[in-house]
PDB file of N, CA and C in Angstrom:
ATOM      1  N   MET A   1     -21.117 -29.727  -0.474  1.00  0.00           N
ATOM      2  CA  MET A   1     -21.428 -28.260  -0.374  1.00  0.00           C
ATOM      3  C   MET A   1     -19.956 -27.296  -0.453  1.00  0.00           C
ATOM      4  N   ILE A   2     -18.951 -27.980   0.114  1.00  0.00           N
ATOM      5  CA  ILE A   2     -17.587 -27.424   0.238  1.00  0.00           C
ATOM      6  C   ILE A   2     -17.095 -27.412  -1.189  1.00  0.00           C
ATOM      7  N   GLU A   3     -17.350 -28.527  -1.927  1.00  0.00           N
ATOM      8  CA  GLU A   3     -16.795 -28.414  -3.443  1.00  0.00           C
ATOM      9  C   GLU A   3     -17.395 -27.481  -4.219  1.00  0.00           C
ATOM     10  N   ILE A   4     -18.659 -27.050  -4.137  1.00  0.00           N
ATOM     11  CA  ILE A   4     -19.149 -26.054  -4.878  1.00  0.00           C
ATOM     12  C   ILE A   4     -18.405 -24.647  -4.618  1.00  0.00           C
ATOM     13  N   TYR A   5     -18.249 -24.475  -3.252  1.00  0.00           N
ATOM     14  CA  TYR A   5     -17.411 -23.304  -2.950  1.00  0.00           C
ATOM     15  C   TYR A   5     -16.049 -23.138  -3.566  1.00  0.00           C
ATOM     16  N   ASP A   6     -15.638 -24.356  -3.321  1.00  0.00           N
ATOM     17  CA  ASP A   6     -14.115 -24.411  -4.003  1.00  0.00           C
ATOM     18  C   ASP A   6     -14.018 -24.240  -5.291  1.00  0.00           C
ATOM     19  N   ASP A   7     -14.885 -24.615  -6.170  1.00  0.00           N
ATOM     20  CA  ASP A   7     -14.952 -24.371  -7.544  1.00  0.00           C
ATOM     21  C   ASP A   7     -15.140 -23.042  -7.722  1.00  0.00           C
ATOM     22  N   ILE A   8     -16.149 -22.365  -7.184  1.00  0.00           N
ATOM     23  CA  ILE A   8     -16.413 -21.026  -7.286  1.00  0.00           C
ATOM     24  C   ILE A   8     -15.204 -20.121  -7.046  1.00  0.00           C
ATOM     25  N   LEU A   9     -14.509 -20.396  -5.865  1.00  0.00           N
ATOM     26  CA  LEU A   9     -13.330 -19.850  -5.436  1.00  0.00           C
ATOM     27  C   LEU A   9     -12.378 -19.840  -6.528  1.00  0.00           C
ATOM     28  N   LYS A  10     -11.936 -21.140  -7.115  1.00  0.00           N
ATOM     29  CA  LYS A  10     -10.996 -21.459  -8.144  1.00  0.00           C
ATOM     30  C   LYS A  10     -11.424 -20.449  -9.415  1.00  0.00           C
ATOM     31  N   GLU A  11     -12.632 -20.393  -9.881  1.00  0.00           N
ATOM     32  CA  GLU A  11     -13.092 -19.691 -10.793  1.00  0.00           C
ATOM     33  C   GLU A  11     -12.712 -18.082 -10.872  1.00  0.00           C
ATOM     34  N   GLU A  12     -13.152 -17.561  -9.504  1.00  0.00           N
ATOM     35  CA  GLU A  12     -12.794 -16.196  -9.382  1.00  0.00           C
ATOM     36  C   GLU A  12     -11.438 -16.017  -9.380  1.00  0.00           C
ATOM     37  N   LEU A  13     -10.589 -16.980  -8.644  1.00  0.00           N
ATOM     38  CA  LEU A  13      -9.094 -16.608  -8.592  1.00  0.00           C
ATOM     39  C   LEU A  13      -8.550 -16.773  -9.949  1.00  0.00           C
ATOM     40  N   ALA A  14      -9.028 -17.401 -10.855  1.00  0.00           N
ATOM     41  CA  ALA A  14      -8.506 -17.556 -12.228  1.00  0.00           C
ATOM     42  C   ALA A  14      -8.837 -16.275 -12.977  1.00  0.00           C
ATOM     43  N   LYS A  15      -9.722 -15.441 -12.587  1.00  0.00           N
ATOM     44  CA  LYS A  15     -10.009 -14.133 -13.102  1.00  0.00           C
ATOM     45  C   LYS A  15      -9.083 -13.151 -12.914  1.00  0.00           C
ATOM     46  N   ILE A  16      -8.313 -13.536 -11.839  1.00  0.00           N
ATOM     47  CA  ILE A  16      -7.090 -12.345 -11.645  1.00  0.00           C
ATOM     48  C   ILE A  16      -5.962 -12.533 -12.271  1.00  0.00           C
ATOM     49  N   THR A  17      -5.675 -11.336 -13.176  1.00  0.00           N
ATOM     50  CA  THR A  17      -4.456 -11.402 -13.905  1.00  0.00           C
ATOM     51  C   THR A  17      -3.239 -11.264 -13.327  1.00  0.00           C
ATOM     52  N   PRO A  18      -2.293 -11.755 -14.068  1.00  0.00           N
ATOM     53  CA  PRO A  18      -0.663 -11.611 -13.433  1.00  0.00           C
ATOM     54  C   PRO A  18      -0.576 -10.024 -13.062  1.00  0.00           C
ATOM     55  N   LEU A  19      -0.989  -9.221 -13.999  1.00  0.00           N
ATOM     56  CA  LEU A  19      -0.636  -7.990 -13.787  1.00  0.00           C
ATOM     57  C   LEU A  19      -1.526  -7.354 -12.616  1.00  0.00           C
ATOM     58  N   ASP A  20      -2.708  -7.641 -12.341  1.00  0.00           N
ATOM     59  CA  ASP A  20      -3.530  -7.364 -11.018  1.00  0.00           C
ATOM     60  C   ASP A  20      -2.725  -7.968  -9.878  1.00  0.00           C
ATOM     61  N   ARG A  21      -2.250  -9.184 -10.100  1.00  0.00           N
ATOM     62  CA  ARG A  21      -1.585  -9.765  -8.856  1.00  0.00           C
ATOM     63  C   ARG A  21      -0.330  -8.883  -8.525  1.00  0.00           C
ATOM     64  N   ALA A  22       0.577  -8.520  -9.532  1.00  0.00           N
ATOM     65  CA  ALA A  22       1.779  -7.777  -9.380  1.00  0.00           C
ATOM     66  C   ALA A  22       1.525  -6.506  -8.959  1.00  0.00           C
ATOM     67  N   THR A  23       0.525  -5.830  -9.287  1.00  0.00           N
ATOM     68  CA  THR A  23       0.154  -4.402  -8.845  1.00  0.00           C
ATOM     69  C   THR A  23      -0.431  -4.496  -7.247  1.00  0.00           C
ATOM     70  N   THR A  24      -1.061  -5.358  -7.010  1.00  0.00           N
ATOM     71  CA  THR A  24      -1.386  -5.983  -5.484  1.00  0.00           C
ATOM     72  C   THR A  24      -0.181  -5.937  -4.858  1.00  0.00           C
ATOM     73  N   ALA A  25       0.602  -6.818  -5.242  1.00  0.00           N
ATOM     74  CA  ALA A  25       1.819  -6.955  -4.456  1.00  0.00           C
ATOM     75  C   ALA A  25       2.724  -5.602  -4.124  1.00  0.00           C
ATOM     76  N   LEU A  26       2.932  -4.862  -5.015  1.00  0.00           N
ATOM     77  CA  LEU A  26       3.590  -3.613  -4.976  1.00  0.00           C
ATOM     78  C   LEU A  26       3.000  -2.719  -4.068  1.00  0.00           C
ATOM     79  N   THR A  27       1.562  -2.504  -4.346  1.00  0.00           N
ATOM     80  CA  THR A  27       0.840  -1.551  -3.474  1.00  0.00           C
ATOM     81  C   THR A  27       0.890  -1.920  -2.187  1.00  0.00           C
ATOM     82  N   ASP A  28       0.787  -3.123  -1.709  1.00  0.00           N
ATOM     83  CA  ASP A  28       0.685  -3.689  -0.453  1.00  0.00           C
ATOM     84  C   ASP A  28       2.050  -3.649   0.168  1.00  0.00           C
ATOM     85  N   GLY A  29       2.965  -3.962  -0.575  1.00  0.00           N
ATOM     86  CA  GLY A  29       4.504  -3.740  -0.206  1.00  0.00           C
ATOM     87  C   GLY A  29       4.734  -2.241   0.059  1.00  0.00           C
ATOM     88  N   ILE A  30       4.270  -1.367  -0.526  1.00  0.00           N
ATOM     89  CA  ILE A  30       4.677   0.025  -0.166  1.00  0.00           C
ATOM     90  C   ILE A  30       3.720   0.537   0.986  1.00  0.00           C
ATOM     91  N   ALA A  31       2.630  -0.068   1.215  1.00  0.00           N
ATOM     92  CA  ALA A  31       1.747   0.403   2.393  1.00  0.00           C
ATOM     93  C   ALA A  31       2.295  -0.304   3.445  1.00  0.00           C
ATOM     94  N   ALA A  32       2.831  -1.505   3.713  1.00  0.00           N
ATOM     95  CA  ALA A  32       3.469  -2.205   4.631  1.00  0.00           C
ATOM     96  C   ALA A  32       4.774  -1.476   5.026  1.00  0.00           C
ATOM     97  N   ARG A  33       5.307  -0.882   3.966  1.00  0.00           N
ATOM     98  CA  ARG A  33       6.660  -0.244   4.269  1.00  0.00           C
ATOM     99  C   ARG A  33       6.335   1.061   5.001  1.00  0.00           C
ATOM    100  N   ILE A  34       5.408   1.888   4.591  1.00  0.00           N
ATOM    101  CA  ILE A  34       5.076   3.227   5.127  1.00  0.00           C
ATOM    102  C   ILE A  34       4.602   2.933   6.687  1.00  0.00           C
ATOM    103  N   ASP A  35       3.819   1.917   7.043  1.00  0.00           N
ATOM    104  CA  ASP A  35       3.273   1.521   8.356  1.00  0.00           C
ATOM    105  C   ASP A  35       4.229   1.249   9.059  1.00  0.00           C
ATOM    106  N   ALA A  36       5.417   0.315   8.651  1.00  0.00           N
ATOM    107  CA  ALA A  36       6.571  -0.103   9.430  1.00  0.00           C
ATOM    108  C   ALA A  36       7.417   1.251   9.805  1.00  0.00           C
ATOM    109  N   VAL A  37       7.695   2.003   8.876  1.00  0.00           N
ATOM    110  CA  VAL A  37       8.473   3.137   9.209  1.00  0.00           C
ATOM    111  C   VAL A  37       7.913   4.103  10.160  1.00  0.00           C
ATOM    112  N   MET A  38       6.381   4.234  10.008  1.00  0.00           N
ATOM    113  CA  MET A  38       5.578   5.025  11.094  1.00  0.00           C
ATOM    114  C   MET A  38       5.719   4.604  12.318  1.00  0.00           C
ATOM    115  N   LYS A  39       5.657   3.079  12.489  1.00  0.00           N
ATOM    116  CA  LYS A  39       5.706   2.692  13.855  1.00  0.00           C
ATOM    117  C   LYS A  39       7.094   2.708  14.435  1.00  0.00           C
ATOM    118  N   GLN A  40       8.250   2.678  13.498  1.00  0.00           N
ATOM    119  CA  GLN A  40       9.548   2.713  13.953  1.00  0.00           C
ATOM    120  C   GLN A  40       9.826   4.251  14.477  1.00  0.00           C
ATOM    121  N   LYS A  41       9.149   5.118  13.757  1.00  0.00           N
ATOM    122  CA  LYS A  41       9.502   6.609  14.209  1.00  0.00           C
ATOM    123  C   LYS A  41       8.453   6.967  15.125  1.00  0.00           C
ATOM    124  N   GLY A  42       7.363   6.353  15.453  1.00  0.00           N
ATOM    125  CA  GLY A  42       6.296   6.651  16.371  1.00  0.00           C
ATOM    126  C   GLY A  42       5.583   7.672  15.829  1.00  0.00           C
ATOM    127  N   ILE A  43       5.315   7.601  14.691  1.00  0.00           N
ATOM    128  CA  ILE A  43       4.436   8.641  13.817  1.00  0.00           C
ATOM    129  C   ILE A  43       3.076   8.274  13.703  1.00  0.00           C
ATOM    130  N   THR A  44       1.961   8.884  14.169  1.00  0.00           N
ATOM    131  CA  THR A  44       0.583   8.458  13.766  1.00  0.00           C
ATOM    132  C   THR A  44       0.007   8.875  12.450  1.00  0.00           C
ATOM    133  N   LYS A  45      -1.118   8.239  12.158  1.00  0.00           N
ATOM    134  CA  LYS A  45      -1.792   8.743  10.673  1.00  0.00           C
ATOM    135  C   LYS A  45      -1.768  10.212  10.742  1.00  0.00           C
ATOM    136  N   SER A  46      -2.533  10.692  11.856  1.00  0.00           N
ATOM    137  CA  SER A  46      -2.692  12.299  11.940  1.00  0.00           C
ATOM    138  C   SER A  46      -1.517  12.987  11.688  1.00  0.00           C
ATOM    139  N   GLN A  47      -0.352  12.548  12.376  1.00  0.00           N
ATOM    140  CA  GLN A  47       0.713  13.373  12.116  1.00  0.00           C
ATOM    141  C   GLN A  47       1.175  13.254  10.729  1.00  0.00           C
ATOM    142  N   LEU A  48       1.298  12.096  10.062  1.00  0.00           N
ATOM    143  CA  LEU A  48       1.586  11.800   8.789  1.00  0.00           C
ATOM    144  C   LEU A  48       0.840  12.790   7.729  1.00  0.00           C
ATOM    145  N   ALA A  49      -0.493  12.818   8.056  1.00  0.00           N
ATOM    146  CA  ALA A  49      -1.340  13.771   7.459  1.00  0.00           C
ATOM    147  C   ALA A  49      -1.050  15.057   7.470  1.00  0.00           C
ATOM    148  N   LYS A  50      -0.667  15.625   8.516  1.00  0.00           N
ATOM    149  CA  LYS A  50      -0.184  17.121   8.643  1.00  0.00           C
ATOM    150  C   LYS A  50       1.128  17.338   7.921  1.00  0.00           C
ATOM    151  N   MET A  51       2.091  16.214   8.016  1.00  0.00           N
ATOM    152  CA  MET A  51       3.335  16.386   7.404  1.00  0.00           C
ATOM    153  C   MET A  51       3.176  16.516   5.856  1.00  0.00           C
ATOM    154  N   THR A  52       2.218  15.828   5.345  1.00  0.00           N
ATOM    155  CA  THR A  52       2.217  15.516   4.024  1.00  0.00           C
ATOM    156  C   THR A  52       1.087  16.772   3.297  1.00  0.00           C
ATOM    157  N   GLY A  53       0.214  17.202   4.221  1.00  0.00           N
ATOM    158  CA  GLY A  53      -0.603  18.037   3.869  1.00  0.00           C
ATOM    159  C   GLY A  53      -1.884  17.471   3.134  1.00  0.00           C
ATOM    160  N   HIS A  54      -2.004  16.083   3.757  1.00  0.00           N
ATOM    161  CA  HIS A  54      -3.320  15.475   3.429  1.00  0.00           C
ATOM    162  C   HIS A  54      -4.268  15.274   4.551  1.00  0.00           C
ATOM    163  N   ARG A  55      -5.264  14.844   4.290  1.00  0.00           N
ATOM    164  CA  ARG A  55      -6.307  14.501   5.210  1.00  0.00           C
ATOM    165  C   ARG A  55      -5.991  12.952   5.933  1.00  0.00           C
ATOM    166  N   PRO A  56      -6.258  12.861   7.275  1.00  0.00           N
ATOM    167  CA  PRO A  56      -6.069  11.570   7.756  1.00  0.00           C
ATOM    168  C   PRO A  56      -6.802  10.471   6.961  1.00  0.00           C
ATOM    169  N   SER A  57      -7.869  10.502   6.341  1.00  0.00           N
ATOM    170  CA  SER A  57      -8.656   9.686   5.550  1.00  0.00           C
ATOM    171  C   SER A  57      -7.855   9.185   4.486  1.00  0.00           C
ATOM    172  N   GLU A  58      -6.846  10.123   3.801  1.00  0.00           N
ATOM    173  CA  GLU A  58      -6.089   9.539   2.738  1.00  0.00           C
ATOM    174  C   GLU A  58      -4.940   8.847   3.139  1.00  0.00           C
ATOM    175  N   VAL A  59      -4.310   9.194   4.424  1.00  0.00           N
ATOM    176  CA  VAL A  59      -3.514   8.151   4.870  1.00  0.00           C
ATOM    177  C   VAL A  59      -3.729   6.907   4.955  1.00  0.00           C
ATOM    178  N   THR A  60      -4.997   6.817   5.749  1.00  0.00           N
ATOM    179  CA  THR A  60      -5.828   5.344   5.949  1.00  0.00           C
ATOM    180  C   THR A  60      -5.768   4.607   4.622  1.00  0.00           C
ATOM    181  N   LYS A  61      -6.191   5.547   3.379  1.00  0.00           N
ATOM    182  CA  LYS A  61      -6.320   4.838   2.101  1.00  0.00           C
ATOM    183  C   LYS A  61      -4.866   4.222   1.793  1.00  0.00           C
ATOM    184  N   TRP A  62      -3.927   5.182   2.072  1.00  0.00           N
ATOM    185  CA  TRP A  62      -2.365   4.548   1.728  1.00  0.00           C
ATOM    186  C   TRP A  62      -2.149   3.354   2.394  1.00  0.00           C
ATOM    187  N   LEU A  63      -2.436   3.325   3.658  1.00  0.00           N
ATOM    188  CA  LEU A  63      -2.044   2.097   4.368  1.00  0.00           C
ATOM    189  C   LEU A  63      -3.014   1.022   4.329  1.00  0.00           C
ATOM    190  N   GLY A  64      -4.067   1.174   3.825  1.00  0.00           N
ATOM    191  CA  GLY A  64      -4.931  -0.029   3.526  1.00  0.00           C
ATOM    192  C   GLY A  64      -4.571  -0.875   2.296  1.00  0.00           C
ATOM    193  N   GLY A  65      -3.587  -0.604   1.664  1.00  0.00           N
ATOM    194  CA  GLY A  65      -3.241  -1.432   0.519  1.00  0.00           C
ATOM    195  C   GLY A  65      -4.121  -1.410  -0.366  1.00  0.00           C
ATOM    196  N   ASN A  66      -3.660  -1.647  -1.656  1.00  0.00           N
ATOM    197  CA  ASN A  66      -4.356  -1.494  -2.994  1.00  0.00           C
ATOM    198  C   ASN A  66      -4.612  -0.086  -3.389  1.00  0.00           C
ATOM    199  N   HIS A  67      -3.856   0.751  -2.921  1.00  0.00           N
ATOM    200  CA  HIS A  67      -3.951   2.233  -3.201  1.00  0.00           C
ATOM    201  C   HIS A  67      -2.866   2.200  -4.567  1.00  0.00           C
ATOM    202  N   ASN A  68      -3.497   2.943  -5.545  1.00  0.00           N
ATOM    203  CA  ASN A  68      -2.591   3.152  -6.688  1.00  0.00           C
ATOM    204  C   ASN A  68      -1.620   4.552  -6.532  1.00  0.00           C
ATOM    205  N   PHE A  69      -0.321   4.166  -6.063  1.00  0.00           N
ATOM    206  CA  PHE A  69       0.547   5.141  -5.758  1.00  0.00           C
ATOM    207  C   PHE A  69       1.061   5.806  -6.756  1.00  0.00           C
ATOM    208  N   THR A  70       1.146   7.148  -6.884  1.00  0.00           N
ATOM    209  CA  THR A  70       2.010   7.805  -8.071  1.00  0.00           C
ATOM    210  C   THR A  70       3.494   7.852  -7.509  1.00  0.00           C
ATOM    211  N   CYS A  71       4.279   8.122  -8.214  1.00  0.00           N
ATOM    212  CA  CYS A  71       5.682   8.485  -7.849  1.00  0.00           C
ATOM    213  C   CYS A  71       5.669   9.563  -7.167  1.00  0.00           C
ATOM    214  N   ARG A  72       4.998  10.506  -7.449  1.00  0.00           N
ATOM    215  CA  ARG A  72       4.900  11.805  -6.680  1.00  0.00           C
ATOM    216  C   ARG A  72       4.674  11.739  -5.234  1.00  0.00           C
ATOM    217  N   THR A  73       3.520  10.718  -5.047  1.00  0.00           N
ATOM    218  CA  THR A  73       3.024  10.333  -3.740  1.00  0.00           C
ATOM    219  C   THR A  73       4.063   9.784  -2.765  1.00  0.00           C
ATOM    220  N   ILE A  74       4.590   8.693  -3.652  1.00  0.00           N
ATOM    221  CA  ILE A  74       5.699   8.005  -2.694  1.00  0.00           C
ATOM    222  C   ILE A  74       6.830   8.885  -2.414  1.00  0.00           C
ATOM    223  N   ALA A  75       7.239  10.009  -3.244  1.00  0.00           N
ATOM    224  CA  ALA A  75       8.319  10.896  -3.026  1.00  0.00           C
ATOM    225  C   ALA A  75       7.850  11.491  -1.837  1.00  0.00           C
ATOM    226  N   LEU A  76       6.478  12.179  -1.862  1.00  0.00           N
ATOM    227  CA  LEU A  76       6.018  12.977  -0.859  1.00  0.00           C
ATOM    228  C   LEU A  76       6.144  12.308   0.603  1.00  0.00           C
ATOM    229  N   ILE A  77       5.584  11.128   0.560  1.00  0.00           N
ATOM    230  CA  ILE A  77       5.608  10.438   1.984  1.00  0.00           C
ATOM    231  C   ILE A  77       7.111  10.045   2.345  1.00  0.00           C
ATOM    232  N   SER A  78       8.064   9.569   1.316  1.00  0.00           N
ATOM    233  CA  SER A  78       9.283   9.368   1.680  1.00  0.00           C
ATOM    234  C   SER A  78      10.012  10.689   2.487  1.00  0.00           C
ATOM    235  N   GLU A  79       9.882  11.835   1.712  1.00  0.00           N
ATOM    236  CA  GLU A  79      10.287  13.201   2.324  1.00  0.00           C
ATOM    237  C   GLU A  79       9.607  13.236   3.609  1.00  0.00           C
ATOM    238  N   ALA A  80       8.625  13.096   4.082  1.00  0.00           N
ATOM    239  CA  ALA A  80       7.695  13.491   5.106  1.00  0.00           C
ATOM    240  C   ALA A  80       8.504  12.458   6.250  1.00  0.00           C
ATOM    241  N   LEU A  81       8.752  11.286   5.828  1.00  0.00           N
ATOM    242  CA  LEU A  81       9.048  10.248   6.829  1.00  0.00           C
ATOM    243  C   LEU A  81      10.915  10.205   7.034  1.00  0.00           C
ATOM    244  N   GLY A  82      11.497  10.920   6.004  1.00  0.00           N
ATOM    245  CA  GLY A  82      12.886  10.959   6.097  1.00  0.00           C
ATOM    246  C   GLY A  82      13.314   9.640   5.537  1.00  0.00           C
ATOM    247  N   THR A  83      12.993   8.870   4.953  1.00  0.00           N
ATOM    248  CA  THR A  83      13.429   7.779   4.413  1.00  0.00           C
ATOM    249  C   THR A  83      13.022   7.457   3.077  1.00  0.00           C
ATOM    250  N   ASN A  84      13.857   6.507   2.405  1.00  0.00           N
ATOM    251  CA  ASN A  84      13.377   5.941   1.046  1.00  0.00           C
ATOM    252  C   ASN A  84      12.442   4.749   1.506  1.00  0.00           C
ATOM    253  N   LEU A  85      11.196   5.034   0.740  1.00  0.00           N
ATOM    254  CA  LEU A  85      10.362   3.919   0.742  1.00  0.00           C
ATOM    255  C   LEU A  85      10.600   2.640  -0.343  1.00  0.00           C
ATOM    256  N   VAL A  86      11.218   3.171  -1.413  1.00  0.00           N
ATOM    257  CA  VAL A  86      11.308   2.419  -2.595  1.00  0.00           C
ATOM    258  C   VAL A  86      12.783   2.338  -2.977  1.00  0.00           C
ATOM    259  N   LYS A  87      13.453   1.364  -3.097  1.00  0.00           N
ATOM    260  CA  LYS A  87      14.744   1.416  -3.875  1.00  0.00           C
ATOM    261  C   LYS A  87      14.546   1.014  -5.396  1.00  0.00           C
ATOM    262  N   ILE A  88      15.479   1.791  -6.034  1.00  0.00           N
ATOM    263  CA  ILE A  88      15.642   1.489  -7.466  1.00  0.00           C
ATOM    264  C   ILE A  88      16.834   0.921  -7.799  1.00  0.00           C
ATOM    265  N   ALA A  89      16.721  -0.345  -8.441  1.00  0.00           N
ATOM    266  CA  ALA A  89      17.834  -1.225  -8.886  1.00  0.00           C
ATOM    267  C   ALA A  89      18.664  -0.344  -9.956  1.00  0.00           C
ATOM    268  N   ARG A  90      19.848  -0.375  -9.782  1.00  0.00           N
ATOM    269  CA  ARG A  90      20.693   0.284 -10.985  1.00  0.00           C
ATOM    270  C   ARG A  90      21.570  -0.753 -11.626  1.00  0.00           C
TER     271      ARG A  90
END
């Protein structure tokens, strides 16, 4: 029985493209960074929502991972938190 599930799992994992894996890694990383800065600064979801002019439900989506952040949203959140969320290599 376990072998059947292992095979199904392997098949499903094989369907995930490298681009999807990379996208998930980036979005999850950004969400984790936002969460870490919020905790460090003692900022709640409700507070961040007010600071950015968004609903708390939107902040929950941001922190849930797998959100397709725009550069504008990253900049907005960075400004609200007073910190760079993403560093660009030069």
